[in-house]
Amino acid sequence: MFRKSTGLAAGLAMATLMGLAPSAEAAADTTASATADTAAGAGAVRPARETATQPALAAQTTAARRTAPIVWGACTGEDVPAGMECGALDVPVDWSKPRGKQVRLELARLPATEPARRIGSVLGIPGGPGASGIDDLKRAAPDLTGLRRRFDLVGYRPRTTAWGATAAEPCWKPGVALHDPRDPKEFEAMKAAMARAFEACREADTTGLFAHLDSLSIARDMEAVRRALGEERLSLMANSYGGVAAAAYIRLFPQRIRAMYLDGVVDQTEGWPMVNLVMRTGVEEALERFGRWCAATPACALHGEDATEIWRELTRTTDREPIPITSERYGEGELTGWHLRSLGFLPDPGPGHSRWLALAEWVDKARRGDGSGFADHVLGNTQVWAMPAMLAMTCGDERGYTGWAQLRKYRRDIREAAPDFSGAAFDQLGCIGWPEPVANPARPLEVHGLPPMLGAGTLEGDFPLTERFIRMVPGSVTLGYDGPGHVLYLSGRKCPIAHATAYLTGLRLPAAGTVCPAE
């Protein structure tokens, strides 16, 4: 049952697009347990610079000023780094009603190891949404000892993590099996089906979180954490979808930012169609790399042939004649060209090119009528990306298509930018029936007065998205990593971590154009 895992295939699919795919051996397991890499909710709020005098924000600010200090105690459980302390903070579910229902944020910190030279706190902003910043901190702790000398390292479980653990059963029921709508009639039918699923979830929700999972709400939670920590300004490390919350924090509390390091982040400020255009252009480039690798690798199942052309022909063929597929976990369905273009290709070759070795085998079998290699991945994602529990974590960040006209324009743009990966973006389809106001619409950032920031991204993956974010802030630099992957500081990459440590500690940026070699 999906209910047990908040991430499931959602994280798998987003990671695929951003260049971080699971190994072939683990694909099925990851589909059922990955961390959600796309989501947020809603709650009708506008940018802080436009609403600073409005009652909702005023109430939020007053509530934040009353935030009590966090009571820290020794953490318990497995894989807890030495010295890690745990605490909790209650914040309003709806920040416009500070005395209303509350949601508990769990926190953890690793205190500075040189307290006499302590600068302050670094707060991690996890991806997902639905990912746990505490898990990130546990994972990264051995590689962040240099940063910890001068800082308390703080991780927390955002409200999206709490939602994933408490969402009602109807919220986990897919509204529809996602597919590429051919015309306005199919689009409206999918929208109506998703609207019914969202409504069932909203009616069953007892937490109140359904309508308040957007990144502006998360940014207000982050500000409450800052106040509870007693910091005048925060240093921040954001990864993946955490970039959307980072942008929201910039909108609301720019004066509270000492420094910000952005690693493989999503830039939502230009809208989700642009996010997908940028990501799929990168996947198009990865297809060419896959073809060159296969041509030079006898172990590739397509060696001796044009692997890229075989891929193209397979997607054309399955658009005309879908292949029936079955998964023990997700039931029966079909493999179409759209499913392959949206969910089938793995841009990250994996350790020892293990993922590409598996992908070549899957493609070779599929062109002979056996789509079983793709079954778990495709069927899992088409269901999970239609679950209100998952989608409520992103739709409030204006994830869905605004209508058929926007989808039609995106189709034209993607055919030009990435013709081998054209069609509707699966991650936007599920939100088309979202019943709440869009709390955090895409719009440019106001960057006047912000400190220069450091970005980092893989040249074979998420660098273009991070760079689009970073270049908005004058004086900022994006560090390249000459290889595949996603979120460098959580992957133990020494060169990017050293630059991040130098920046966060001494506010020293590398020279523009700096590239770390692959490790």
Protein backbone atom coordinates (compact mmCIF):
# COMPACT_ATOMS: atom_id res chain seq x y z
CA MET A 1 0.00 0.00 0.00
CA PHE A 2 1.32 3.44 -0.92
CA ARG A 3 0.27 4.88 2.46
CA LYS A 4 3.42 3.73 4.22
CA SER A 5 5.82 5.78 2.11
CA THR A 6 5.60 9.53 1.55
CA GLY A 7 8.00 9.62 -1.39
CA LEU A 8 7.33 6.61 -3.56
CA ALA A 9 7.78 7.08 -7.28
CA ALA A 10 7.43 10.84 -7.12
CA GLY A 11 10.98 11.29 -5.98
CA LEU A 12 12.13 8.65 -8.43
CA ALA A 13 10.61 10.45 -11.37
CA MET A 14 11.86 13.90 -10.43
CA ALA A 15 15.30 12.46 -9.78
CA THR A 16 15.20 10.86 -13.23
CA LEU A 17 14.57 14.22 -14.86
CA MET A 18 17.25 15.92 -12.77
CA GLY A 19 19.82 13.24 -13.52
CA LEU A 20 19.61 11.04 -10.44
CA ALA A 21 18.01 7.73 -11.30
CA PRO A 22 17.95 4.53 -9.23
CA SER A 23 20.06 1.55 -10.10
CA ALA A 24 18.36 -1.03 -12.28
CA GLU A 25 18.44 -3.54 -9.45
CA ALA A 26 16.79 -1.09 -7.04
CA ALA A 27 14.32 0.55 -9.41
CA ALA A 28 11.28 -1.32 -8.16
CA ASP A 29 12.15 -0.85 -4.50
CA THR A 30 12.92 2.82 -4.98
CA THR A 31 9.55 3.34 -6.66
CA ALA A 32 7.91 2.30 -3.44
CA SER A 33 10.15 4.15 -1.02
CA ALA A 34 11.90 7.16 -2.56
CA THR A 35 11.51 10.62 -1.08
CA ALA A 36 8.99 12.84 -2.86
CA ASP A 37 10.85 15.30 -5.02
CA THR A 38 8.05 17.55 -6.00
CA ALA A 39 5.26 19.10 -4.04
CA ALA A 40 3.73 21.82 -1.88
CA GLY A 41 0.20 22.88 -1.07
CA ALA A 42 -1.75 26.11 -0.97
CA GLY A 43 -3.00 28.92 1.19
CA ALA A 44 -3.84 32.28 -0.36
CA VAL A 45 -0.86 34.47 0.44
CA ARG A 46 1.04 37.00 -1.69
CA PRO A 47 4.71 38.03 -1.80
CA ALA A 48 5.97 39.65 1.39
CA ARG A 49 7.11 42.86 -0.27
CA GLU A 50 3.54 43.34 -1.48
CA THR A 51 1.81 42.27 1.72
CA ALA A 52 4.00 43.36 4.62
CA THR A 53 1.20 45.51 6.03
CA GLN A 54 -1.59 43.01 5.51
CA PRO A 55 -3.19 41.35 8.57
CA ALA A 56 -2.13 37.79 7.73
CA LEU A 57 1.56 38.62 7.60
CA ALA A 58 1.32 40.96 10.57
CA ALA A 59 -0.26 38.17 12.61
CA GLN A 60 2.45 35.79 11.46
CA THR A 61 5.20 38.20 12.43
CA THR A 62 3.69 38.77 15.86
CA ALA A 63 3.39 35.02 16.41
CA ALA A 64 6.99 34.47 15.32
CA ARG A 65 8.24 37.07 17.79
CA ARG A 66 6.60 35.10 20.57
CA THR A 67 8.34 31.88 19.52
CA ALA A 68 9.81 30.14 22.55
CA PRO A 69 13.37 28.79 22.45
CA ILE A 70 13.76 25.18 21.42
CA VAL A 71 14.41 22.73 24.25
CA TRP A 72 17.22 20.46 23.10
CA GLY A 73 17.93 16.96 24.33
CA ALA A 74 20.01 14.01 23.19
CA CYS A 75 18.64 12.34 20.05
CA THR A 76 17.63 8.70 20.15
CA GLY A 77 17.25 6.12 17.41
CA GLU A 78 19.47 4.64 14.74
CA ASP A 79 22.34 6.27 12.84
CA VAL A 80 22.47 9.29 15.14
CA PRO A 81 25.81 11.12 14.85
CA ALA A 82 27.67 11.73 18.08
CA GLY A 83 26.58 14.92 19.76
CA MET A 84 23.36 15.36 17.80
CA GLU A 85 20.57 17.04 19.77
CA CYS A 86 16.85 16.94 19.03
CA GLY A 87 13.95 19.28 19.73
CA ALA A 88 10.59 20.38 18.37
CA LEU A 89 8.70 23.53 17.50
CA ASP A 90 4.95 23.99 17.07
CA VAL A 91 3.85 26.40 14.32
CA PRO A 92 0.41 27.37 12.98
CA VAL A 93 -1.03 25.19 10.23
CA ASP A 94 -2.46 28.40 8.75
CA TRP A 95 -0.14 31.33 9.42
CA SER A 96 -3.02 33.79 9.03
CA LYS A 97 -4.53 32.13 12.13
CA PRO A 98 -1.60 31.95 14.56
CA ARG A 99 -3.78 30.75 17.46
CA GLY A 100 -5.41 28.03 15.39
CA LYS A 101 -4.44 24.42 14.79
CA GLN A 102 -0.69 23.71 15.10
CA VAL A 103 1.73 21.37 13.37
CA ARG A 104 4.88 20.10 15.09
CA LEU A 105 8.24 20.49 13.36
CA GLU A 106 10.91 18.10 14.58
CA LEU A 107 14.46 19.49 14.61
CA ALA A 108 18.01 18.29 15.12
CA ARG A 109 21.31 20.10 15.48
CA LEU A 110 24.99 19.35 15.63
CA PRO A 111 26.51 22.09 17.83
CA ALA A 112 29.63 23.92 16.67
CA THR A 113 32.80 22.09 17.67
CA GLU A 114 34.68 25.39 18.26
CA PRO A 115 32.08 27.31 20.26
CA ALA A 116 34.41 30.19 21.06
CA ARG A 117 34.63 30.92 17.31
CA ARG A 118 31.00 30.14 16.55
CA ILE A 119 29.42 32.32 13.83
CA GLY A 120 25.81 31.14 14.07
CA SER A 121 23.51 28.45 12.66
CA VAL A 122 23.26 26.90 9.21
CA LEU A 123 19.72 25.71 8.49
CA GLY A 124 19.24 23.01 5.89
CA ILE A 125 16.28 23.31 3.52
CA PRO A 126 15.51 19.77 2.30
CA GLY A 127 14.14 18.79 -1.07
CA GLY A 128 11.13 16.74 -1.86
CA PRO A 129 8.92 18.30 -0.61
CA GLY A 130 8.47 15.50 1.83
CA ALA A 131 12.17 14.91 2.44
CA SER A 132 13.54 15.13 5.97
CA GLY A 133 16.21 17.67 6.79
CA ILE A 134 17.11 15.56 9.81
CA ASP A 135 17.89 12.63 7.53
CA ASP A 136 19.90 15.00 5.33
CA LEU A 137 21.89 16.15 8.35
CA LYS A 138 22.61 12.60 9.45
CA ARG A 139 23.74 11.73 5.94
CA ALA A 140 25.92 14.81 5.45
CA ALA A 141 27.41 15.06 8.96
CA PRO A 142 30.66 13.18 8.23
CA ASP A 143 31.38 15.47 5.26
CA LEU A 144 30.51 18.76 6.98
CA THR A 145 32.97 18.65 9.87
CA GLY A 146 34.78 21.71 8.49
CA LEU A 147 31.57 23.73 8.39
CA ARG A 148 30.58 22.52 11.85
CA ARG A 149 33.66 24.05 13.46
CA ARG A 150 32.08 27.51 13.25
CA PHE A 151 28.38 26.74 12.99
CA ASP A 152 25.59 24.81 14.62
CA LEU A 153 24.22 22.64 11.80
CA VAL A 154 20.42 22.45 12.01
CA GLY A 155 18.04 20.17 10.14
CA TYR A 156 14.29 19.89 10.44
CA ARG A 157 11.33 17.93 9.15
CA PRO A 158 9.09 20.39 7.28
CA ARG A 159 5.31 20.38 7.43
CA THR A 160 5.29 18.34 4.21
CA THR A 161 6.99 15.50 6.09
CA ALA A 162 4.31 15.70 8.79
CA TRP A 163 1.64 15.64 6.09
CA GLY A 164 3.14 12.55 4.48
CA ALA A 165 2.89 10.70 7.80
CA THR A 166 -0.70 11.76 8.59
CA ALA A 167 -2.58 12.24 5.29
CA ALA A 168 -5.93 10.43 5.28
CA GLU A 169 -6.44 7.22 3.34
CA PRO A 170 -8.48 8.79 0.48
CA CYS A 171 -5.55 11.11 -0.20
CA TRP A 172 -3.48 8.14 -1.37
CA LYS A 173 -5.93 7.06 -4.05
CA PRO A 174 -4.87 8.12 -7.59
CA GLY A 175 -7.40 10.33 -9.34
CA VAL A 176 -6.50 8.99 -12.78
CA ALA A 177 -3.82 7.02 -14.61
CA LEU A 178 -1.76 9.84 -16.08
CA HIS A 179 -1.42 10.01 -19.85
CA ASP A 180 -0.76 12.66 -22.47
CA PRO A 181 -4.14 14.29 -23.26
CA ARG A 182 -4.65 14.53 -27.02
CA ASP A 183 -7.23 17.32 -27.09
CA PRO A 184 -9.15 19.75 -24.85
CA LYS A 185 -11.81 17.13 -24.15
CA GLU A 186 -9.28 14.66 -22.72
CA PHE A 187 -7.59 17.47 -20.79
CA GLU A 188 -10.86 18.53 -19.17
CA ALA A 189 -11.74 14.91 -18.33
CA MET A 190 -8.40 14.47 -16.57
CA LYS A 191 -8.89 17.79 -14.77
CA ALA A 192 -12.35 16.74 -13.56
CA ALA A 193 -11.07 13.38 -12.33
CA MET A 194 -8.25 15.01 -10.40
CA ALA A 195 -10.63 17.63 -8.96
CA ARG A 196 -12.82 14.84 -7.56
CA ALA A 197 -9.79 13.13 -6.03
CA PHE A 198 -8.58 16.38 -4.46
CA GLU A 199 -12.02 17.07 -3.03
CA ALA A 200 -12.19 13.59 -1.46
CA CYS A 201 -8.80 14.20 0.14
CA ARG A 202 -9.74 17.65 1.39
CA GLU A 203 -12.93 16.33 2.99
CA ALA A 204 -11.03 13.50 4.70
CA ASP A 205 -8.18 15.69 5.95
CA THR A 206 -8.30 16.28 9.71
CA THR A 207 -4.92 18.03 9.98
CA GLY A 208 -5.82 21.19 8.06
CA LEU A 209 -2.53 20.87 6.17
CA PHE A 210 -4.06 20.03 2.77
CA ALA A 211 -4.42 23.72 1.88
CA HIS A 212 -1.25 24.93 3.61
CA LEU A 213 1.71 22.99 2.25
CA ASP A 214 2.96 25.69 -0.13
CA SER A 215 6.48 27.06 0.04
CA LEU A 216 5.41 30.41 1.48
CA SER A 217 4.00 28.56 4.50
CA ILE A 218 7.26 26.63 4.73
CA ALA A 219 9.25 29.88 4.57
CA ARG A 220 7.25 31.22 7.52
CA ASP A 221 8.05 28.02 9.40
CA MET A 222 11.73 28.61 8.66
CA GLU A 223 11.47 32.12 10.09
CA ALA A 224 9.90 30.67 13.25
CA VAL A 225 12.86 28.29 13.47
CA ARG A 226 15.26 31.23 13.13
CA ARG A 227 13.60 33.06 16.00
CA ALA A 228 13.50 29.95 18.17
CA LEU A 229 17.23 29.49 17.53
CA GLY A 230 17.81 33.07 18.66
CA GLU A 231 19.69 34.02 15.49
CA GLU A 232 19.61 37.54 14.05
CA ARG A 233 20.32 36.14 10.58
CA LEU A 234 20.53 32.65 9.13
CA SER A 235 22.96 30.94 6.83
CA LEU A 236 21.06 28.49 4.63
CA MET A 237 21.81 25.38 2.59
CA ALA A 238 19.03 24.39 0.18
CA ASN A 239 18.84 21.41 -2.13
CA SER A 240 16.59 20.29 -4.98
CA TYR A 241 12.94 21.38 -4.42
CA GLY A 242 14.20 23.25 -1.39
CA GLY A 243 15.06 25.99 -3.87
CA VAL A 244 11.36 26.85 -4.08
CA ALA A 245 11.21 27.34 -0.29
CA ALA A 246 14.49 29.27 -0.45
CA ALA A 247 12.97 31.67 -3.00
CA ALA A 248 9.91 32.04 -0.78
CA TYR A 249 12.12 32.91 2.19
CA ILE A 250 13.91 35.50 0.05
CA ARG A 251 10.54 37.06 -0.79
CA LEU A 252 9.38 37.23 2.81
CA PHE A 253 12.50 37.69 4.94
CA PRO A 254 15.41 38.95 2.81
CA GLN A 255 16.90 40.91 5.72
CA ARG A 256 17.29 37.67 7.71
CA ILE A 257 19.67 36.01 5.23
CA ARG A 258 23.38 36.07 6.04
CA ALA A 259 24.38 33.66 3.26
CA MET A 260 22.66 31.08 1.05
CA TYR A 261 24.15 28.01 -0.63
CA LEU A 262 21.91 26.43 -3.29
CA ASP A 263 22.77 22.92 -4.46
CA GLY A 264 20.95 21.42 -7.45
CA VAL A 265 17.87 23.55 -6.81
CA VAL A 266 14.68 24.03 -8.77
CA ASP A 267 14.04 27.59 -9.97
CA GLN A 268 10.27 28.02 -9.94
CA THR A 269 10.35 31.80 -10.45
CA GLU A 270 9.90 31.53 -14.23
CA GLY A 271 7.12 28.96 -13.97
CA TRP A 272 7.02 25.18 -14.21
CA PRO A 273 6.88 25.02 -18.02
CA MET A 274 10.32 26.66 -18.03
CA VAL A 275 11.57 24.25 -15.35
CA ASN A 276 10.57 21.34 -17.54
CA LEU A 277 11.98 22.87 -20.70
CA VAL A 278 15.35 23.29 -19.01
CA MET A 279 15.33 19.81 -17.46
CA ARG A 280 14.27 18.03 -20.63
CA THR A 281 16.84 19.87 -22.69
CA GLY A 282 19.39 18.35 -20.33
CA VAL A 283 17.85 14.91 -20.79
CA GLU A 284 18.13 15.36 -24.56
CA GLU A 285 21.87 15.96 -24.12
CA ALA A 286 22.09 12.88 -21.90
CA LEU A 287 20.54 10.77 -24.67
CA GLU A 288 23.41 11.74 -26.96
CA ARG A 289 25.92 10.80 -24.25
CA PHE A 290 24.13 7.47 -23.83
CA GLY A 291 24.47 6.82 -27.55
CA ARG A 292 28.21 7.58 -27.55
CA TRP A 293 28.76 5.44 -24.46
CA CYS A 294 26.89 2.49 -25.98
CA ALA A 295 28.86 2.75 -29.22
CA ALA A 296 32.10 2.49 -27.25
CA THR A 297 30.93 -0.22 -24.80
CA PRO A 298 30.66 -3.84 -25.94
CA ALA A 299 28.65 -4.70 -22.80
CA CYS A 300 25.83 -2.37 -23.90
CA ALA A 301 22.90 -4.45 -25.18
CA LEU A 302 22.59 -2.08 -28.16
CA HIS A 303 26.31 -2.03 -29.01
CA GLY A 304 27.02 -2.01 -32.71
CA GLU A 305 23.80 -0.14 -33.46
CA ASP A 306 22.72 3.49 -33.19
CA ALA A 307 21.33 3.43 -29.65
CA THR A 308 19.85 6.93 -29.89
CA GLU A 309 17.97 6.07 -33.07
CA ILE A 310 16.71 2.83 -31.53
CA TRP A 311 15.35 4.89 -28.63
CA ARG A 312 13.62 7.30 -31.01
CA GLU A 313 12.10 4.49 -33.04
CA LEU A 314 10.88 2.73 -29.89
CA THR A 315 9.05 5.85 -28.71
CA ARG A 316 7.47 6.32 -32.16
CA THR A 317 6.42 2.68 -32.33
CA THR A 318 4.91 2.58 -28.87
CA ASP A 319 2.99 5.78 -29.55
CA ARG A 320 1.29 3.90 -32.40
CA GLU A 321 1.05 0.52 -30.68
CA PRO A 322 1.44 0.60 -26.87
CA ILE A 323 3.01 -2.43 -25.19
CA PRO A 324 0.92 -4.06 -22.42
CA ILE A 325 2.90 -4.20 -19.15
CA THR A 326 2.24 -5.70 -15.73
CA SER A 327 3.72 -4.98 -12.33
CA GLU A 328 3.19 -7.06 -9.21
CA ARG A 329 3.12 -3.81 -7.26
CA TYR A 330 1.08 -1.54 -9.52
CA GLY A 331 -1.08 -3.83 -11.65
CA GLU A 332 -1.61 -3.65 -15.39
CA GLY A 333 -1.14 -0.82 -17.84
CA GLU A 334 0.54 0.07 -21.07
CA LEU A 335 3.85 1.47 -22.20
CA THR A 336 3.48 4.31 -24.69
CA GLY A 337 6.02 6.61 -26.29
CA TRP A 338 4.91 9.36 -23.93
CA HIS A 339 5.57 7.13 -20.92
CA LEU A 340 9.04 6.36 -22.23
CA ARG A 341 9.85 9.99 -23.00
CA SER A 342 8.51 11.17 -19.64
CA LEU A 343 9.62 8.39 -17.30
CA GLY A 344 11.69 5.79 -19.10
CA PHE A 345 15.06 7.35 -19.82
CA LEU A 346 17.75 7.47 -17.10
CA PRO A 347 20.04 10.48 -17.61
CA ASP A 348 22.48 9.49 -14.85
CA PRO A 349 24.62 6.51 -15.95
CA GLY A 350 25.08 5.38 -12.33
CA PRO A 351 28.13 3.77 -10.73
CA GLY A 352 30.08 1.91 -13.37
CA HIS A 353 27.34 2.89 -15.86
CA SER A 354 25.11 0.30 -14.19
CA ARG A 355 21.93 2.26 -14.93
CA TRP A 356 22.74 2.63 -18.59
CA LEU A 357 23.60 -1.07 -18.86
CA ALA A 358 20.13 -1.82 -17.47
CA LEU A 359 18.45 0.82 -19.65
CA ALA A 360 19.98 -0.66 -22.80
CA GLU A 361 18.63 -4.08 -21.84
CA TRP A 362 15.17 -2.63 -21.17
CA VAL A 363 15.14 -0.87 -24.53
CA ASP A 364 16.36 -3.98 -26.33
CA LYS A 365 13.58 -6.07 -24.77
CA ALA A 366 10.93 -3.40 -25.36
CA ARG A 367 11.64 -3.16 -29.09
CA ARG A 368 10.91 -6.90 -29.19
CA GLY A 369 7.57 -6.37 -27.44
CA ASP A 370 8.62 -6.94 -23.81
CA GLY A 371 8.26 -3.76 -21.75
CA SER A 372 8.76 -5.44 -18.37
CA GLY A 373 11.96 -3.54 -17.61
CA PHE A 374 10.01 -0.29 -17.48
CA ALA A 375 6.87 -1.65 -15.81
CA ASP A 376 7.41 -0.80 -12.12
CA HIS A 377 8.92 2.57 -12.87
CA VAL A 378 6.28 3.73 -15.36
CA LEU A 379 3.18 2.32 -13.68
CA GLY A 380 4.32 3.44 -10.23
CA ASN A 381 4.92 7.00 -11.35
CA THR A 382 1.71 7.37 -13.34
CA GLN A 383 -0.20 6.41 -10.20
CA VAL A 384 1.81 8.26 -7.57
CA TRP A 385 1.82 11.49 -9.57
CA ALA A 386 -1.98 11.38 -9.50
CA MET A 387 -2.25 10.93 -5.71
CA PRO A 388 -3.61 13.98 -3.86
CA ALA A 389 -1.35 13.19 -0.89
CA MET A 390 1.68 13.71 -3.10
CA LEU A 391 0.33 16.54 -5.23
CA ALA A 392 -0.89 18.64 -2.31
CA MET A 393 2.79 19.24 -1.57
CA THR A 394 3.35 21.03 -4.90
CA CYS A 395 0.17 22.37 -6.40
CA GLY A 396 0.15 25.49 -4.23
CA ASP A 397 3.45 26.46 -5.88
CA GLU A 398 1.56 26.79 -9.19
CA ARG A 399 2.66 23.38 -10.44
CA GLY A 400 -0.28 22.58 -12.71
CA TYR A 401 -1.02 23.74 -16.23
CA THR A 402 -3.31 26.74 -16.13
CA GLY A 403 -5.33 25.34 -19.03
CA TRP A 404 -5.22 23.63 -22.40
CA ALA A 405 -3.70 26.71 -24.06
CA GLN A 406 -0.66 26.65 -21.77
CA LEU A 407 -0.19 22.92 -22.34
CA ARG A 408 -0.45 23.38 -26.10
CA LYS A 409 2.20 26.14 -26.00
CA TYR A 410 4.46 23.93 -23.88
CA ARG A 411 4.11 21.15 -26.45
CA ARG A 412 5.28 23.49 -29.18
CA ASP A 413 8.21 24.72 -27.10
CA ILE A 414 9.36 21.27 -26.01
CA ARG A 415 9.26 19.91 -29.56
CA GLU A 416 11.77 22.58 -30.48
CA ALA A 417 13.92 22.38 -27.33
CA ALA A 418 13.97 18.60 -26.74
CA PRO A 419 12.19 16.74 -29.58
CA ASP A 420 13.12 13.31 -28.23
CA PHE A 421 11.34 14.07 -24.95
CA SER A 422 8.27 15.94 -26.11
CA GLY A 423 4.71 15.77 -24.78
CA ALA A 424 2.97 17.04 -21.65
CA ALA A 425 5.13 17.20 -18.52
CA PHE A 426 3.81 14.46 -16.24
CA ASP A 427 4.59 16.40 -13.06
CA GLN A 428 2.29 19.24 -14.09
CA LEU A 429 -0.67 17.13 -15.19
CA GLY A 430 -1.73 15.97 -11.73
CA CYS A 431 -2.20 19.52 -10.41
CA ILE A 432 -4.64 20.62 -13.13
CA GLY A 433 -7.61 19.89 -10.86
CA TRP A 434 -6.21 21.66 -7.76
CA PRO A 435 -9.19 23.19 -5.89
CA GLU A 436 -7.39 25.75 -3.71
CA PRO A 437 -6.05 29.21 -4.60
CA VAL A 438 -2.44 29.15 -5.79
CA ALA A 439 -0.55 30.48 -2.79
CA ASN A 440 2.90 30.83 -4.32
CA PRO A 441 2.63 31.78 -8.00
CA ALA A 442 5.72 32.00 -10.17
CA ARG A 443 7.14 35.51 -10.45
CA PRO A 444 10.53 37.24 -10.45
CA LEU A 445 12.42 37.71 -7.21
CA GLU A 446 13.13 41.12 -5.71
CA VAL A 447 16.90 40.77 -5.16
CA HIS A 448 17.93 44.28 -4.09
CA GLY A 449 20.00 44.10 -0.92
CA LEU A 450 20.51 40.34 -0.93
CA PRO A 451 24.00 39.00 -0.18
CA PRO A 452 25.85 37.27 -3.03
CA MET A 453 25.02 33.57 -3.07
CA LEU A 454 26.80 30.38 -4.06
CA GLY A 455 25.17 27.78 -6.27
CA ALA A 456 26.45 24.35 -7.25
CA GLY A 457 25.29 21.90 -9.87
CA THR A 458 26.40 18.97 -11.98
CA LEU A 459 27.29 19.82 -15.58
CA GLU A 460 25.56 16.62 -16.70
CA GLY A 461 22.48 17.30 -14.58
CA ASP A 462 21.12 20.15 -12.49
CA PHE A 463 23.62 22.98 -13.20
CA PRO A 464 21.33 24.86 -15.66
CA LEU A 465 18.44 25.07 -13.17
CA THR A 466 20.67 26.25 -10.33
CA GLU A 467 22.40 28.74 -12.59
CA ARG A 468 19.07 30.30 -13.58
CA PHE A 469 18.33 30.87 -9.90
CA ILE A 470 21.77 32.15 -8.94
CA ARG A 471 22.16 34.61 -11.80
CA MET A 472 19.17 36.59 -10.48
CA VAL A 473 21.25 37.70 -7.46
CA PRO A 474 24.03 40.19 -8.30
CA GLY A 475 27.56 39.08 -7.46
CA SER A 476 26.62 35.42 -7.08
CA VAL A 477 28.49 32.46 -8.57
CA THR A 478 27.46 28.96 -9.64
CA LEU A 479 30.06 26.26 -9.16
CA GLY A 480 30.10 23.48 -11.73
CA TYR A 481 30.80 19.81 -11.10
CA ASP A 482 32.17 17.92 -14.10
CA GLY A 483 29.98 14.84 -13.92
CA PRO A 484 26.47 13.51 -13.31
CA GLY A 485 24.52 13.41 -10.05
CA HIS A 486 22.23 15.56 -7.96
CA VAL A 487 22.87 17.50 -4.69
CA LEU A 488 26.62 17.48 -4.26
CA TYR A 489 26.96 18.13 -0.53
CA LEU A 490 24.70 15.16 0.23
CA SER A 491 26.82 13.02 -2.09
CA GLY A 492 30.09 13.65 -0.25
CA ARG A 493 31.77 15.51 -3.13
CA LYS A 494 34.83 17.04 -1.48
CA CYS A 495 35.56 19.91 -3.87
CA PRO A 496 32.04 21.43 -3.83
CA ILE A 497 31.83 20.94 -0.05
CA ALA A 498 35.12 22.78 0.41
CA HIS A 499 33.83 25.72 -1.64
CA ALA A 500 30.53 25.71 0.26
CA THR A 501 32.41 25.71 3.58
CA ALA A 502 34.66 28.61 2.51
CA TYR A 503 31.66 30.59 1.34
CA LEU A 504 29.43 30.01 4.36
CA THR A 505 32.28 30.56 6.84
CA GLY A 506 34.14 33.50 5.31
CA LEU A 507 31.65 34.65 2.63
CA ARG A 508 34.33 33.92 0.01
CA LEU A 509 33.05 32.96 -3.44
CA PRO A 510 35.05 31.02 -6.03
CA ALA A 511 35.89 32.72 -9.30
CA ALA A 512 33.13 32.72 -11.88
CA GLY A 513 33.42 29.65 -14.13
CA THR A 514 35.07 27.45 -11.49
CA VAL A 515 34.48 23.74 -12.17
CA CYS A 516 35.21 20.91 -9.75
CA PRO A 517 36.55 17.72 -11.36
CA ALA A 518 34.50 14.55 -11.07
CA GLU A 519 35.28 12.51 -7.96
